[in-house]
Amino acid sequence: MKTFRHLIWIMIAAASLMLSVSQSFAQQPDVGDQPGLLPDDAVELEPEYRRTAVLYRTTEAPGTIIISTAERHLYLIQGGGRALRYGIGVGRDGFQWQGLLNISRKAEWPDWTPPPEMIARQPYLPRFMAGGPGNPLGARAMYLGTTVYRIHGTNRPDTIGTAVSSGCFRLVNADVADLYERVPVGTKVIVRQKPEL
């Protein structure tokens, strides 16, 4: 009987340890969201994520944005079989999505109010942050329909080409400022998870 109680106490201790470790992992900061961190302008993007003109076959009209989460690229269709390609950061596992939306609003140096769902997952985040260089939304934001998702800049240029966000699409600040000037409110945005065949 004494050995049985001892075994139960060991199992309870082990379960408590596993629970405390899993809770501490759940509270780890998301590497993609570091409010207040000033962007490191010395970060150099990999060549495949630098803004460039590319050949791109599509039946979509010029001015349409096509986002390929699998490729980590955003394409702004130019017509004549060409597009401007931008490197992006995308949603991490469980936060990737696809759909057809329009840009409903645009903002320069946008304020950031993390949605309640994000606060629930990451309670260390501020409830509000004014726009500026340390804001995770970066220099510009283009809001997608009535969703919580945006195409925006970043204070973490080293996350371009990775999957770390909560579903938004991030570009380096120079690229998001370039895109912002090229597209109006109402622009069609197509989000694809898999490349077209």
Protein backbone atom coordinates (compact mmCIF):
# COMPACT_ATOMS: atom_id res chain seq x y z
CA MET A 1 0.00 0.00 0.00
CA LYS A 2 2.87 2.36 0.83
CA THR A 3 4.45 1.70 -2.56
CA PHE A 4 1.12 2.37 -4.30
CA ARG A 5 0.78 5.80 -2.56
CA HIS A 6 4.37 6.60 -3.43
CA LEU A 7 3.69 5.74 -7.08
CA ILE A 8 0.56 7.93 -7.13
CA TRP A 9 2.52 10.90 -5.68
CA ILE A 10 5.20 10.47 -8.34
CA MET A 11 2.54 10.42 -11.07
CA ILE A 12 0.88 13.56 -9.68
CA ALA A 13 4.24 15.34 -9.49
CA ALA A 14 5.09 14.33 -13.06
CA ALA A 15 1.67 15.50 -14.33
CA SER A 16 2.07 18.85 -12.52
CA LEU A 17 5.51 19.34 -14.03
CA MET A 18 4.24 18.56 -17.55
CA LEU A 19 1.32 20.98 -17.10
CA SER A 20 3.55 23.81 -15.88
CA VAL A 21 6.00 23.26 -18.77
CA SER A 22 3.20 23.24 -21.37
CA GLN A 23 1.71 26.45 -19.88
CA SER A 24 5.10 28.16 -19.98
CA PHE A 25 5.45 27.20 -23.66
CA ALA A 26 1.96 28.59 -24.34
CA GLN A 27 3.02 31.92 -22.81
CA GLN A 28 6.19 32.19 -24.93
CA PRO A 29 6.20 35.37 -27.01
CA ASP A 30 5.37 34.96 -30.68
CA VAL A 31 8.61 35.76 -32.50
CA GLY A 32 6.61 37.62 -35.12
CA ASP A 33 5.03 40.13 -32.73
CA GLN A 34 7.50 42.21 -30.78
CA PRO A 35 5.82 45.54 -30.01
CA GLY A 36 8.31 48.36 -29.47
CA LEU A 37 11.17 46.66 -31.32
CA LEU A 38 12.68 49.07 -33.85
CA PRO A 39 13.22 47.50 -37.28
CA ASP A 40 16.77 46.51 -38.17
CA ASP A 41 17.33 48.21 -41.54
CA ALA A 42 20.56 46.21 -41.96
CA VAL A 43 18.57 42.99 -42.50
CA GLU A 44 19.03 41.92 -46.10
CA LEU A 45 16.32 39.77 -47.65
CA GLU A 46 17.14 36.55 -49.44
CA PRO A 47 17.13 37.20 -53.22
CA GLU A 48 13.86 35.29 -53.73
CA TYR A 49 12.06 37.63 -51.31
CA ARG A 50 13.26 40.91 -52.80
CA ARG A 51 10.77 42.97 -54.80
CA THR A 52 11.16 42.22 -58.50
CA ALA A 53 9.27 42.13 -61.80
CA VAL A 54 8.49 38.57 -62.91
CA LEU A 55 6.65 36.71 -65.64
CA TYR A 56 3.27 35.60 -64.28
CA ARG A 57 0.47 33.99 -66.28
CA THR A 58 -3.02 34.70 -65.05
CA THR A 59 -6.47 35.64 -66.30
CA GLU A 60 -6.84 38.16 -63.46
CA ALA A 61 -7.02 41.85 -64.38
CA PRO A 62 -4.06 44.20 -63.91
CA GLY A 63 -4.10 45.69 -60.42
CA THR A 64 -5.25 42.44 -58.77
CA ILE A 65 -3.20 41.15 -55.82
CA ILE A 66 -2.58 37.40 -55.65
CA ILE A 67 -1.05 36.06 -52.43
CA SER A 68 0.57 32.63 -52.48
CA THR A 69 1.09 31.58 -48.88
CA ALA A 70 2.93 28.40 -49.91
CA GLU A 71 5.48 30.41 -51.93
CA ARG A 72 5.63 33.29 -49.40
CA HIS A 73 5.02 35.77 -52.25
CA LEU A 74 2.53 38.51 -53.05
CA TYR A 75 2.00 39.29 -56.74
CA LEU A 76 0.63 42.59 -58.04
CA ILE A 77 -0.61 41.81 -61.55
CA GLN A 78 0.72 44.24 -64.17
CA GLY A 79 -0.78 42.78 -67.33
CA GLY A 80 0.98 41.40 -70.37
CA GLY A 81 1.98 38.27 -68.46
CA ARG A 82 3.96 40.24 -65.86
CA ALA A 83 3.65 40.98 -62.15
CA LEU A 84 5.55 42.67 -59.37
CA ARG A 85 6.56 40.03 -56.84
CA TYR A 86 7.09 40.87 -53.16
CA GLY A 87 8.42 38.58 -50.43
CA ILE A 88 6.04 38.18 -47.50
CA GLY A 89 5.64 36.59 -44.09
CA VAL A 90 2.47 34.54 -43.67
CA GLY A 91 0.32 32.91 -40.99
CA ARG A 92 1.86 30.13 -38.94
CA ASP A 93 0.31 26.65 -38.85
CA GLY A 94 -3.35 26.92 -37.90
CA PHE A 95 -3.52 30.56 -39.06
CA GLN A 96 -3.30 30.15 -42.83
CA TRP A 97 -6.40 30.75 -44.89
CA GLN A 98 -7.54 31.36 -48.44
CA GLY A 99 -10.24 33.46 -50.00
CA LEU A 100 -11.27 36.39 -52.14
CA LEU A 101 -11.49 39.85 -50.56
CA ASN A 102 -11.03 43.51 -51.39
CA ILE A 103 -8.92 46.17 -49.74
CA SER A 104 -11.48 48.01 -47.62
CA ARG A 105 -9.23 50.62 -46.02
CA LYS A 106 -5.65 51.88 -46.09
CA ALA A 107 -3.58 53.56 -43.35
CA GLU A 108 -0.12 55.09 -43.03
CA TRP A 109 1.74 54.27 -39.79
CA PRO A 110 -1.40 52.55 -38.47
CA ASP A 111 -2.28 52.18 -34.82
CA TRP A 112 -2.51 48.57 -33.63
CA THR A 113 -5.26 47.12 -31.46
CA PRO A 114 -4.75 43.35 -31.24
CA PRO A 115 -8.10 41.53 -31.52
CA PRO A 116 -9.46 39.73 -28.43
CA GLU A 117 -8.58 36.32 -29.92
CA MET A 118 -4.94 37.35 -30.21
CA ILE A 119 -4.89 38.76 -26.66
CA ALA A 120 -6.31 35.44 -25.41
CA ARG A 121 -3.42 33.57 -27.08
CA GLN A 122 -0.76 36.15 -26.24
CA PRO A 123 -1.79 37.99 -23.05
CA TYR A 124 1.56 39.84 -22.85
CA LEU A 125 0.63 41.97 -25.90
CA PRO A 126 -0.37 45.62 -25.39
CA ARG A 127 -4.09 46.38 -25.75
CA PHE A 128 -3.23 49.35 -28.00
CA MET A 129 -0.11 50.69 -29.67
CA ALA A 130 0.18 53.96 -31.56
CA GLY A 131 1.61 53.86 -35.07
CA GLY A 132 5.36 54.31 -35.47
CA PRO A 133 8.58 52.42 -36.23
CA GLY A 134 8.21 50.03 -33.26
CA ASN A 135 4.63 49.07 -34.18
CA PRO A 136 4.29 45.49 -35.52
CA LEU A 137 2.06 46.78 -38.37
CA GLY A 138 4.97 48.79 -39.75
CA ALA A 139 4.75 51.73 -42.13
CA ARG A 140 1.49 50.93 -43.95
CA ALA A 141 -1.55 48.68 -43.69
CA MET A 142 -4.18 47.61 -46.17
CA TYR A 143 -7.22 46.09 -44.47
CA LEU A 144 -8.86 43.05 -46.07
CA GLY A 145 -12.65 43.28 -46.20
CA THR A 146 -14.30 43.14 -42.77
CA THR A 147 -11.82 40.57 -41.43
CA VAL A 148 -9.10 41.16 -38.82
CA TYR A 149 -6.50 40.44 -41.52
CA ARG A 150 -4.24 42.96 -43.23
CA ILE A 151 -1.40 43.32 -45.65
CA HIS A 152 1.05 45.39 -43.61
CA GLY A 153 4.65 46.31 -42.93
CA THR A 154 6.69 44.94 -40.06
CA ASN A 155 9.21 45.86 -37.40
CA ARG A 156 10.70 42.37 -37.91
CA PRO A 157 12.12 42.27 -41.48
CA ASP A 158 13.88 38.99 -40.59
CA THR A 159 10.46 37.25 -40.59
CA ILE A 160 9.90 37.74 -44.35
CA GLY A 161 9.76 34.31 -45.99
CA THR A 162 8.56 32.65 -42.78
CA ALA A 163 5.21 31.57 -41.30
CA VAL A 164 4.91 33.35 -37.95
CA SER A 165 1.90 35.67 -38.06
CA SER A 166 -1.66 35.25 -36.81
CA GLY A 167 -2.97 35.28 -40.38
CA CYS A 168 -1.88 38.68 -41.72
CA PHE A 169 0.62 39.17 -44.54
CA ARG A 170 3.74 41.22 -43.75
CA LEU A 171 6.20 42.92 -46.07
CA VAL A 172 9.31 44.93 -45.28
CA ASN A 173 8.39 48.59 -44.78
CA ALA A 174 9.91 49.77 -48.10
CA ASP A 175 7.88 47.14 -49.99
CA VAL A 176 4.59 47.79 -48.21
CA ALA A 177 5.01 51.54 -48.86
CA ASP A 178 5.62 50.78 -52.56
CA LEU A 179 2.55 48.50 -52.77
CA TYR A 180 0.42 51.02 -50.82
CA GLU A 181 1.08 53.68 -53.46
CA ARG A 182 0.18 51.31 -56.31
CA VAL A 183 -3.22 49.98 -55.13
CA PRO A 184 -6.45 51.81 -54.28
CA VAL A 185 -9.18 50.88 -51.83
CA GLY A 186 -11.36 48.28 -53.56
CA THR A 187 -8.42 46.32 -55.01
CA LYS A 188 -9.26 42.62 -55.45
CA VAL A 189 -7.09 40.33 -53.28
CA ILE A 190 -6.93 36.58 -53.90
CA VAL A 191 -5.31 34.48 -51.16
CA ARG A 192 -4.18 30.99 -52.19
CA GLN A 193 -2.58 28.33 -50.04
CA LYS A 194 -1.38 26.16 -52.89
CA PRO A 195 0.11 27.26 -56.22
CA GLU A 196 -2.09 26.97 -59.29
CA LEU A 197 -1.29 24.14 -61.68
